[in-house]
């Protein structure tokens, strides 16, 4: 199991995106974020696409999430979450 934290700015950006959605899409986003959190806690290196260094980028419906994986500490930190171009 990996420790998972979300930086406050990432939570704020995700919340801004969430409140702008209609109720059906809010439910979809909430479910997708729950699944993402579970996957990040179990196997973060199998989530998303690798970026420079320890960073990875995951794509959810309408949302992209940038996170950093610290192998030594077995910790994941979500750095940013914003609208996805996908």
C-alpha atoms as a PDB file:
ATOM      1  CA  UNK A   1       0.000   0.000   0.000  1.00  0.00           C
ATOM      2  CA  UNK A   2       1.205   3.494  -0.897  1.00  0.00           C
ATOM      3  CA  UNK A   3       0.575   6.685   1.073  1.00  0.00           C
ATOM      4  CA  UNK A   4      -1.490   9.168  -0.958  1.00  0.00           C
ATOM      5  CA  UNK A   5      -1.813  12.913  -0.448  1.00  0.00           C
ATOM      6  CA  UNK A   6      -3.374  15.654  -2.545  1.00  0.00           C
ATOM      7  CA  UNK A   7      -1.813  19.126  -2.440  1.00  0.00           C
ATOM      8  CA  UNK A   8      -4.375  21.814  -1.579  1.00  0.00           C
ATOM      9  CA  UNK A   9      -4.111  23.600  -4.969  1.00  0.00           C
ATOM     10  CA  UNK A  10      -4.845  20.300  -6.760  1.00  0.00           C
ATOM     11  CA  UNK A  11      -7.927  19.754  -4.596  1.00  0.00           C
ATOM     12  CA  UNK A  12      -9.069  23.327  -5.220  1.00  0.00           C
ATOM     13  CA  UNK A  13      -8.714  22.991  -8.998  1.00  0.00           C
ATOM     14  CA  UNK A  14     -10.548  19.669  -8.980  1.00  0.00           C
ATOM     15  CA  UNK A  15     -13.336  21.157  -6.861  1.00  0.00           C
ATOM     16  CA  UNK A  16     -13.671  24.106  -9.252  1.00  0.00           C
ATOM     17  CA  UNK A  17     -14.037  21.681 -12.139  1.00  0.00           C
ATOM     18  CA  UNK A  18     -16.501  19.521 -10.176  1.00  0.00           C
ATOM     19  CA  UNK A  19     -18.919  22.331  -9.290  1.00  0.00           C
ATOM     20  CA  UNK A  20     -18.985  23.488 -12.924  1.00  0.00           C
ATOM     21  CA  UNK A  21     -20.365  20.117 -14.069  1.00  0.00           C
ATOM     22  CA  UNK A  22     -23.964  18.959 -14.306  1.00  0.00           C
ATOM     23  CA  UNK A  23     -25.091  16.359 -11.720  1.00  0.00           C
ATOM     24  CA  UNK A  24     -24.578  13.348 -14.001  1.00  0.00           C
ATOM     25  CA  UNK A  25     -21.015  14.364 -14.859  1.00  0.00           C
ATOM     26  CA  UNK A  26     -20.326  15.116 -11.200  1.00  0.00           C
ATOM     27  CA  UNK A  27     -21.206  11.521 -10.357  1.00  0.00           C
ATOM     28  CA  UNK A  28     -18.932  10.295 -13.155  1.00  0.00           C
ATOM     29  CA  UNK A  29     -16.061  12.461 -11.953  1.00  0.00           C
ATOM     30  CA  UNK A  30     -16.533  11.409  -8.330  1.00  0.00           C
ATOM     31  CA  UNK A  31     -16.441   7.738  -9.303  1.00  0.00           C
ATOM     32  CA  UNK A  32     -13.405   8.239 -11.518  1.00  0.00           C
ATOM     33  CA  UNK A  33     -11.518  10.060  -8.750  1.00  0.00           C
ATOM     34  CA  UNK A  34     -12.385   7.296  -6.259  1.00  0.00           C
ATOM     35  CA  UNK A  35     -11.028   4.701  -8.683  1.00  0.00           C
ATOM     36  CA  UNK A  36      -7.930   6.802  -9.311  1.00  0.00           C
ATOM     37  CA  UNK A  37      -7.249   7.131  -5.581  1.00  0.00           C
ATOM     38  CA  UNK A  38      -7.575   3.366  -5.129  1.00  0.00           C
ATOM     39  CA  UNK A  39      -5.213   2.685  -8.027  1.00  0.00           C
ATOM     40  CA  UNK A  40      -2.677   5.248  -6.775  1.00  0.00           C
ATOM     41  CA  UNK A  41      -2.685   3.571  -3.366  1.00  0.00           C
ATOM     42  CA  UNK A  42      -2.178   0.103  -4.816  1.00  0.00           C
ATOM     43  CA  UNK A  43       0.123   0.524  -7.866  1.00  0.00           C
ATOM     44  CA  UNK A  44       0.859   4.124  -8.882  1.00  0.00           C
ATOM     45  CA  UNK A  45       3.448   3.149 -11.492  1.00  0.00           C
ATOM     46  CA  UNK A  46       0.672   1.418 -13.443  1.00  0.00           C
ATOM     47  CA  UNK A  47      -1.409   4.610 -13.594  1.00  0.00           C
ATOM     48  CA  UNK A  48      -1.247   7.162 -16.391  1.00  0.00           C
ATOM     49  CA  UNK A  49       1.779   8.113 -18.449  1.00  0.00           C
ATOM     50  CA  UNK A  50       5.289   8.795 -17.265  1.00  0.00           C
ATOM     51  CA  UNK A  51       6.720  12.291 -17.395  1.00  0.00           C
ATOM     52  CA  UNK A  52      10.131  13.705 -16.473  1.00  0.00           C
ATOM     53  CA  UNK A  53      11.633  12.395 -13.257  1.00  0.00           C
ATOM     54  CA  UNK A  54       9.175  10.883 -10.797  1.00  0.00           C
ATOM     55  CA  UNK A  55       6.120  12.544 -12.329  1.00  0.00           C
ATOM     56  CA  UNK A  56       3.171  10.884 -14.033  1.00  0.00           C
ATOM     57  CA  UNK A  57       0.000  12.168 -15.691  1.00  0.00           C
ATOM     58  CA  UNK A  58      -3.356  10.389 -15.487  1.00  0.00           C
ATOM     59  CA  UNK A  59      -6.378  11.168 -17.619  1.00  0.00           C
ATOM     60  CA  UNK A  60      -9.929  10.872 -16.338  1.00  0.00           C
ATOM     61  CA  UNK A  61     -13.108  11.979 -18.110  1.00  0.00           C
ATOM     62  CA  UNK A  62     -12.723  15.764 -18.259  1.00  0.00           C
ATOM     63  CA  UNK A  63      -9.819  15.840 -15.815  1.00  0.00           C
ATOM     64  CA  UNK A  64      -6.072  15.302 -15.933  1.00  0.00           C
ATOM     65  CA  UNK A  65      -4.092  14.643 -12.774  1.00  0.00           C
ATOM     66  CA  UNK A  66      -0.360  15.239 -12.335  1.00  0.00           C
ATOM     67  CA  UNK A  67       1.255  13.255  -9.531  1.00  0.00           C
ATOM     68  CA  UNK A  68       4.693  12.384  -8.213  1.00  0.00           C
ATOM     69  CA  UNK A  69       5.721   8.911  -7.094  1.00  0.00           C
ATOM     70  CA  UNK A  70       8.373   8.655  -4.360  1.00  0.00           C
ATOM     71  CA  UNK A  71       9.665   5.081  -4.571  1.00  0.00           C
ATOM     72  CA  UNK A  72      11.775   5.324  -1.419  1.00  0.00           C
ATOM     73  CA  UNK A  73       8.953   6.572   0.787  1.00  0.00           C
ATOM     74  CA  UNK A  74       6.263   4.557  -1.071  1.00  0.00           C
ATOM     75  CA  UNK A  75       4.293   7.771  -1.310  1.00  0.00           C
ATOM     76  CA  UNK A  76       2.238   9.453  -4.015  1.00  0.00           C
ATOM     77  CA  UNK A  77       1.526  13.185  -4.062  1.00  0.00           C
ATOM     78  CA  UNK A  78      -1.043  14.681  -6.410  1.00  0.00           C
ATOM     79  CA  UNK A  79       0.422  17.976  -7.577  1.00  0.00           C
ATOM     80  CA  UNK A  80      -2.245  19.316  -9.929  1.00  0.00           C
ATOM     81  CA  UNK A  81      -5.664  18.474 -11.328  1.00  0.00           C
ATOM     82  CA  UNK A  82      -7.302  20.383 -14.123  1.00  0.00           C
ATOM     83  CA  UNK A  83      -9.432  20.135 -17.243  1.00  0.00           C
ATOM     84  CA  UNK A  84      -8.365  17.496 -19.692  1.00  0.00           C
ATOM     85  CA  UNK A  85      -7.993  18.097 -23.372  1.00  0.00           C
ATOM     86  CA  UNK A  86      -8.983  14.477 -23.973  1.00  0.00           C
END
